[in-house]
Protein backbone atom coordinates (compact mmCIF):
# COMPACT_ATOMS: atom_id res chain seq x y z
CA MET A 1 -2.48 -10.47 4.48
CA ARG A 2 -1.82 -13.53 1.04
CA ILE A 3 1.41 -15.21 1.36
CA ILE A 4 3.22 -15.95 -2.12
CA SER A 5 7.13 -17.69 -1.82
CA THR A 6 9.92 -16.53 -4.24
CA GLU A 7 9.83 -20.79 -4.83
CA GLU A 8 6.55 -19.09 -6.67
CA ILE A 9 7.75 -16.48 -8.33
CA THR A 10 11.15 -17.69 -10.27
CA LYS A 11 9.13 -20.63 -10.88
CA ASN A 12 6.97 -18.12 -13.07
CA ILE A 13 9.95 -16.17 -14.63
CA LYS A 14 11.60 -19.13 -15.63
CA GLU A 15 8.14 -19.98 -17.74
CA MET A 16 7.45 -16.19 -19.17
CA CYS A 17 11.12 -15.72 -20.04
CA ILE A 18 11.11 -18.60 -21.99
CA GLU A 19 7.66 -18.73 -23.30
CA ALA A 20 8.11 -15.13 -24.93
CA ASN A 21 10.86 -15.63 -26.51
CA TYR A 22 9.18 -19.19 -28.53
CA ARG A 23 5.98 -17.21 -29.07
CA LEU A 24 4.49 -14.09 -29.89
CA SER A 25 1.55 -12.21 -28.32
CA SER A 26 -1.39 -12.31 -30.24
CA ASP A 27 -1.97 -8.53 -30.92
CA MET A 28 1.80 -9.43 -32.40
CA GLU A 29 1.02 -11.89 -34.33
CA ASN A 30 -2.04 -10.95 -36.13
CA SER A 31 -0.18 -7.26 -36.43
CA ILE A 32 2.47 -9.63 -38.81
CA ILE A 33 -0.28 -11.44 -40.72
CA SER A 34 -2.38 -7.53 -40.87
CA ALA A 35 0.73 -5.97 -42.72
CA LEU A 36 1.20 -9.13 -45.30
CA GLU A 37 -2.81 -8.65 -46.02
CA ASN A 38 -1.70 -5.47 -46.05
CA GLU A 39 1.56 -4.28 -47.74
CA GLU A 40 1.93 -2.93 -51.23
CA SER A 41 5.77 -3.92 -52.23
CA SER A 42 6.26 -7.02 -53.60
CA LEU A 43 9.66 -6.93 -51.18
CA GLY A 44 7.93 -6.26 -48.24
CA LYS A 45 5.35 -8.71 -48.55
CA HIS A 46 8.22 -11.32 -49.35
CA ILE A 47 10.16 -9.79 -46.29
CA LEU A 48 6.98 -10.18 -43.81
CA SER A 49 6.00 -13.60 -45.35
CA GLN A 50 9.27 -14.28 -44.16
CA LEU A 51 9.00 -13.69 -40.88
CA LYS A 52 5.74 -15.10 -40.51
CA GLU A 53 7.59 -18.07 -41.29
CA ASN A 54 9.84 -17.53 -38.61
CA MET A 55 7.20 -16.64 -36.49
CA ASP A 56 4.84 -19.65 -37.16
CA ILE A 57 8.42 -22.44 -37.05
CA ALA A 58 9.58 -21.14 -33.33
CA SER A 59 6.12 -21.82 -32.20
CA GLU A 60 5.84 -24.98 -33.69
CA GLU A 61 9.38 -26.56 -32.23
CA SER A 62 9.86 -24.46 -29.79
CA ILE A 63 13.16 -22.27 -30.61
CA PRO A 64 13.64 -18.95 -30.33
CA ILE A 65 12.32 -15.58 -32.82
CA CYS A 66 14.95 -13.77 -32.81
CA GLN A 67 18.96 -15.15 -32.25
CA ASP A 68 18.69 -11.89 -29.78
CA THR A 69 16.77 -13.20 -26.96
CA GLY A 70 17.28 -9.80 -25.19
CA MET A 71 17.85 -8.77 -21.75
CA ALA A 72 14.88 -9.42 -19.44
CA VAL A 73 13.02 -6.63 -18.43
CA VAL A 74 10.41 -7.05 -15.43
CA PHE A 75 7.17 -5.46 -14.60
CA MET A 76 6.30 -6.53 -11.27
CA LYS A 77 2.60 -4.70 -9.56
CA VAL A 78 3.23 -6.05 -5.68
CA GLY A 79 -0.02 -5.75 -4.37
CA GLN A 80 -0.31 -4.34 -0.48
CA GLY A 81 -1.61 -7.14 0.82
CA VAL A 82 1.31 -10.06 0.03
CA LEU A 83 3.29 -11.55 2.01
CA ILE A 84 6.92 -12.50 0.24
CA GLN A 85 7.97 -15.49 1.88
CA GLY A 86 11.60 -17.23 1.51
CA GLY A 87 14.06 -15.64 0.30
CA ASN A 88 15.10 -11.54 -1.48
CA LEU A 89 12.33 -10.87 -4.22
CA THR A 90 14.80 -9.18 -5.75
CA GLU A 91 17.17 -12.86 -6.11
CA ALA A 92 14.20 -14.74 -6.92
CA ILE A 93 12.87 -13.03 -10.05
CA ASN A 94 16.72 -12.88 -11.16
CA GLU A 95 16.96 -16.75 -10.74
CA GLY A 96 13.80 -17.21 -12.37
CA ILE A 97 15.42 -14.93 -15.29
CA LYS A 98 18.86 -17.32 -14.58
CA GLN A 99 16.72 -20.84 -14.99
CA GLY A 100 14.90 -19.60 -17.81
CA TYR A 101 17.39 -18.84 -19.97
CA GLU A 102 19.43 -21.97 -19.17
CA GLU A 103 16.22 -24.48 -19.70
CA GLY A 104 15.37 -22.57 -22.85
CA TYR A 105 18.18 -22.38 -24.33
CA LEU A 106 18.33 -18.77 -24.75
CA ARG A 107 21.26 -16.82 -25.21
CA LYS A 108 23.19 -15.24 -22.71
CA SER A 109 23.62 -11.37 -23.49
CA VAL A 110 24.20 -9.57 -20.32
CA VAL A 111 28.03 -8.64 -19.08
CA SER A 112 28.43 -8.02 -16.17
CA ASP A 113 29.94 -5.17 -16.07
CA PRO A 114 29.48 -2.16 -19.34
CA LEU A 115 33.28 -1.09 -19.51
CA ILE A 116 35.37 -4.61 -19.16
CA ARG A 117 32.74 -6.12 -20.42
CA ILE A 118 32.65 -9.66 -19.27
CA ASN A 119 29.48 -12.20 -19.84
CA SER A 120 27.49 -13.06 -16.77
CA ASN A 121 26.82 -16.62 -18.44
CA ASP A 122 23.13 -16.43 -16.86
CA ASN A 123 21.19 -13.69 -18.78
CA THR A 124 21.66 -11.68 -15.16
CA PRO A 125 21.13 -9.69 -13.91
CA GLY A 126 17.59 -8.31 -15.38
CA ILE A 127 16.05 -4.93 -15.72
CA ILE A 128 13.59 -4.90 -12.97
CA HIS A 129 10.92 -1.83 -12.59
CA TYR A 130 8.39 -2.76 -9.52
CA ASP A 131 4.97 -1.33 -8.33
CA ILE A 132 3.23 -1.42 -5.38
CA VAL A 133 -0.27 -1.45 -6.08
CA PRO A 134 -3.80 -2.77 -3.36
CA GLY A 135 -4.68 -5.96 -3.89
CA GLU A 136 -3.42 -9.41 -2.72
CA ASN A 137 -1.95 -10.51 -6.13
CA ILE A 138 1.61 -10.17 -8.03
CA GLU A 139 0.66 -8.88 -11.68
CA ILE A 140 4.37 -9.58 -14.00
CA THR A 141 4.91 -8.93 -17.67
CA VAL A 142 8.93 -10.22 -18.95
CA ALA A 143 9.32 -8.45 -21.93
CA PRO A 144 13.00 -9.60 -23.09
CA LYS A 145 14.47 -6.93 -25.38
CA GLY A 146 16.37 -7.14 -28.08
CA PHE A 147 18.97 -4.31 -28.52
CA GLY A 148 18.92 -3.54 -32.75
CA SER A 149 16.54 -1.53 -31.92
CA GLU A 150 17.15 -0.99 -28.04
CA ASN A 151 20.21 1.13 -29.82
CA MET A 152 17.43 2.99 -31.86
CA SER A 153 15.97 4.57 -28.92
CA ARG A 154 16.52 8.35 -27.83
CA ILE A 155 15.19 11.01 -25.44
CA TYR A 156 14.69 13.86 -25.81
CA MET A 157 14.63 17.19 -23.04
CA LEU A 158 12.07 19.33 -25.19
CA LYS A 159 10.84 23.06 -23.91
CA PRO A 160 7.16 22.98 -22.90
CA ALA A 161 6.89 25.51 -25.99
CA ASP A 162 7.64 22.51 -28.69
CA GLY A 163 4.74 21.31 -28.11
CA GLU A 164 2.98 18.50 -29.78
CA GLU A 165 4.58 19.19 -32.75
CA GLY A 166 7.89 18.93 -31.06
CA VAL A 167 7.04 15.88 -29.63
CA LYS A 168 6.26 13.90 -33.19
CA LYS A 169 9.24 15.65 -34.52
CA ALA A 170 11.03 13.63 -32.29
CA VAL A 171 9.12 10.54 -32.86
CA LEU A 172 9.46 11.12 -36.84
CA GLU A 173 13.15 12.06 -36.22
CA THR A 174 14.34 8.97 -34.58
CA VAL A 175 12.62 6.51 -36.57
CA ALA A 176 13.57 7.97 -39.35
CA MET A 177 17.63 7.55 -37.77
CA ALA A 178 16.72 4.28 -36.87
CA GLY A 179 16.00 2.82 -40.35
CA PRO A 180 16.54 -0.46 -41.05
CA ASN A 181 18.97 -0.76 -37.60
CA ALA A 182 16.01 -1.59 -36.05
CA CYS A 183 14.58 -4.48 -37.75
CA PRO A 184 10.75 -3.02 -38.86
CA PRO A 185 8.11 -3.40 -38.94
CA MET A 186 8.71 -1.81 -35.67
CA ILE A 187 6.62 -1.16 -32.51
CA ILE A 188 6.73 2.95 -30.91
CA GLY A 189 7.25 3.06 -27.52
CA VAL A 190 6.36 6.76 -26.75
CA GLY A 191 6.30 8.44 -23.11
CA ILE A 192 5.58 11.68 -22.14
CA GLY A 193 5.97 14.03 -19.36
CA GLY A 194 8.17 13.07 -15.86
CA ASP A 195 11.13 13.70 -15.67
CA PHE A 196 14.61 12.43 -17.40
CA GLU A 197 14.14 9.05 -16.03
CA LYS A 198 10.08 8.31 -16.06
CA CYS A 199 9.77 9.13 -19.34
CA ALA A 200 11.94 6.22 -20.58
CA LEU A 201 10.37 4.01 -17.84
CA LEU A 202 6.85 5.02 -20.02
CA ALA A 203 7.79 4.74 -23.57
CA LYS A 204 9.29 1.07 -22.12
CA LYS A 205 6.05 -0.46 -20.62
CA ALA A 206 4.40 1.85 -23.38
CA LEU A 207 5.75 -1.59 -25.60
CA THR A 208 3.86 -4.40 -23.59
CA ARG A 209 0.14 -2.41 -24.12
CA ASP A 210 -1.83 -4.39 -27.23
CA ILE A 211 -1.16 -2.55 -30.03
CA ASN A 212 -5.07 -2.80 -30.89
CA VAL A 213 -5.66 -0.96 -27.49
CA PRO A 214 -5.25 2.79 -28.37
CA ALA A 215 -4.65 6.12 -25.31
CA LYS A 216 -7.96 6.30 -23.44
CA GLU A 217 -7.14 9.96 -23.74
CA GLU A 218 -8.54 11.31 -27.00
CA HIS A 219 -5.81 13.66 -27.58
CA LEU A 220 -3.15 10.79 -27.18
CA LYS A 221 -5.62 8.56 -29.04
CA ARG A 222 -5.08 10.83 -32.19
CA LEU A 223 -1.42 11.44 -32.03
CA GLU A 224 -0.56 7.97 -31.94
CA GLU A 225 -3.42 7.28 -35.47
CA GLU A 226 -1.51 10.48 -36.28
CA LEU A 227 1.64 9.14 -36.32
CA LEU A 228 1.00 5.76 -37.35
CA THR A 229 0.32 6.83 -40.37
CA GLU A 230 3.28 9.35 -40.98
CA ILE A 231 6.17 7.10 -39.77
CA ASN A 232 4.56 5.28 -42.36
CA GLN A 233 4.89 7.28 -44.98
CA LEU A 234 8.90 7.35 -44.68
CA GLY A 235 9.52 5.05 -46.73
CA ILE A 236 11.39 2.47 -45.06
CA GLY A 237 9.52 -0.56 -45.11
CA PRO A 238 10.16 -3.20 -43.73
CA GLY A 239 13.38 -4.69 -43.18
CA GLY A 240 14.24 -1.53 -44.17
CA LEU A 241 14.15 -1.89 -47.62
CA GLY A 242 11.34 -0.01 -49.22
CA GLY A 243 7.20 -0.04 -48.33
CA LYS A 244 4.32 1.03 -46.89
CA ILE A 245 5.01 -0.58 -43.81
CA THR A 246 7.29 0.94 -41.39
CA ALA A 247 5.50 0.62 -38.09
CA LEU A 248 2.89 -1.75 -36.86
CA GLY A 249 2.06 0.15 -33.87
CA VAL A 250 2.66 3.46 -32.06
CA ASN A 251 1.95 3.60 -28.10
CA ILE A 252 2.11 6.87 -25.94
CA GLU A 253 1.99 7.15 -22.15
CA THR A 254 2.27 9.98 -20.33
CA TYR A 255 2.94 11.20 -16.83
CA PRO A 256 2.31 14.67 -14.88
CA THR A 257 5.74 16.99 -15.57
CA HIS A 258 7.48 20.46 -14.14
CA ILE A 259 6.05 23.92 -15.61
CA ALA A 260 9.44 24.57 -16.98
CA GLY A 261 9.82 20.56 -19.29
CA LEU A 262 8.49 18.50 -21.71
CA PRO A 263 10.58 15.10 -21.36
CA VAL A 264 10.22 13.16 -24.23
CA ALA A 265 11.63 9.14 -25.11
CA ILE A 266 10.95 7.18 -27.80
CA ASN A 267 11.52 3.25 -27.14
CA ILE A 268 11.76 1.16 -30.14
CA CYS A 269 11.02 -2.39 -30.93
CA CYS A 270 11.29 -4.76 -33.15
CA HIS A 271 8.31 -6.34 -34.54
CA VAL A 272 9.80 -9.52 -32.52
CA ASN A 273 8.20 -7.01 -29.78
CA ARG A 274 8.08 -9.33 -27.04
CA HIS A 275 6.38 -9.38 -23.26
CA ILE A 276 3.85 -11.64 -21.42
CA THR A 277 1.53 -11.51 -18.23
CA ARG A 278 0.91 -13.39 -15.57
CA VAL A 279 -0.84 -12.67 -12.09
CA ILE A 280 -0.24 -15.15 -9.61
């Protein structure tokens, strides 16, 4: 049994909230540079060069990449051999979010009630997902999610007969409807299977996977490639102003489902696909 204090968890969450908002992961940095090299539209190239400049300035000067510093989404893989001491785990995570957004001078975008809409003033509570796994470590992923792209996401409860073509139609329809509102070039997270809420969680988790790492299953790898090609033929382009590069990547995650259903969720993220992972 390994003891991990809530104080250590709070400290890591705080640091990760700041780092994720200041610096993109290497896969995202490289994908923007690659998109700049491959974009054929002169206006698209100009937009991508501005995105790269913004990314570089944010990293060098330790300022947010985007003014929408997001709602903090936290994935916790907690080892069964871990004993957490010092207080409530959920409270410790939210304390880390609070400290990170205050000390990092990050915009506080959370309202405490979705209808009354009074700001919580510390960007809490976060969206926290727990997984209990073997081992004596805790793996933490922090993924601040802006709502320009979040608002463009959708869930489809397809019929099994809709099959792969139905999934492709749903993804392409969602991206086309999002257009410039999702701040392209986008990253598309797709969740297939489970039930209504599980497919949405899969789609969100898919956005945290390195976009250079394809799905392990051959049929899913092929589907990712086909979707990316077809999305980039829509002509939306960087900033929604036309061009070849509408999406930087498509990541698909699946889960077993019921014989009567084919749930599909599409979670779109803008080019500022922020995520960071640590193991403690």
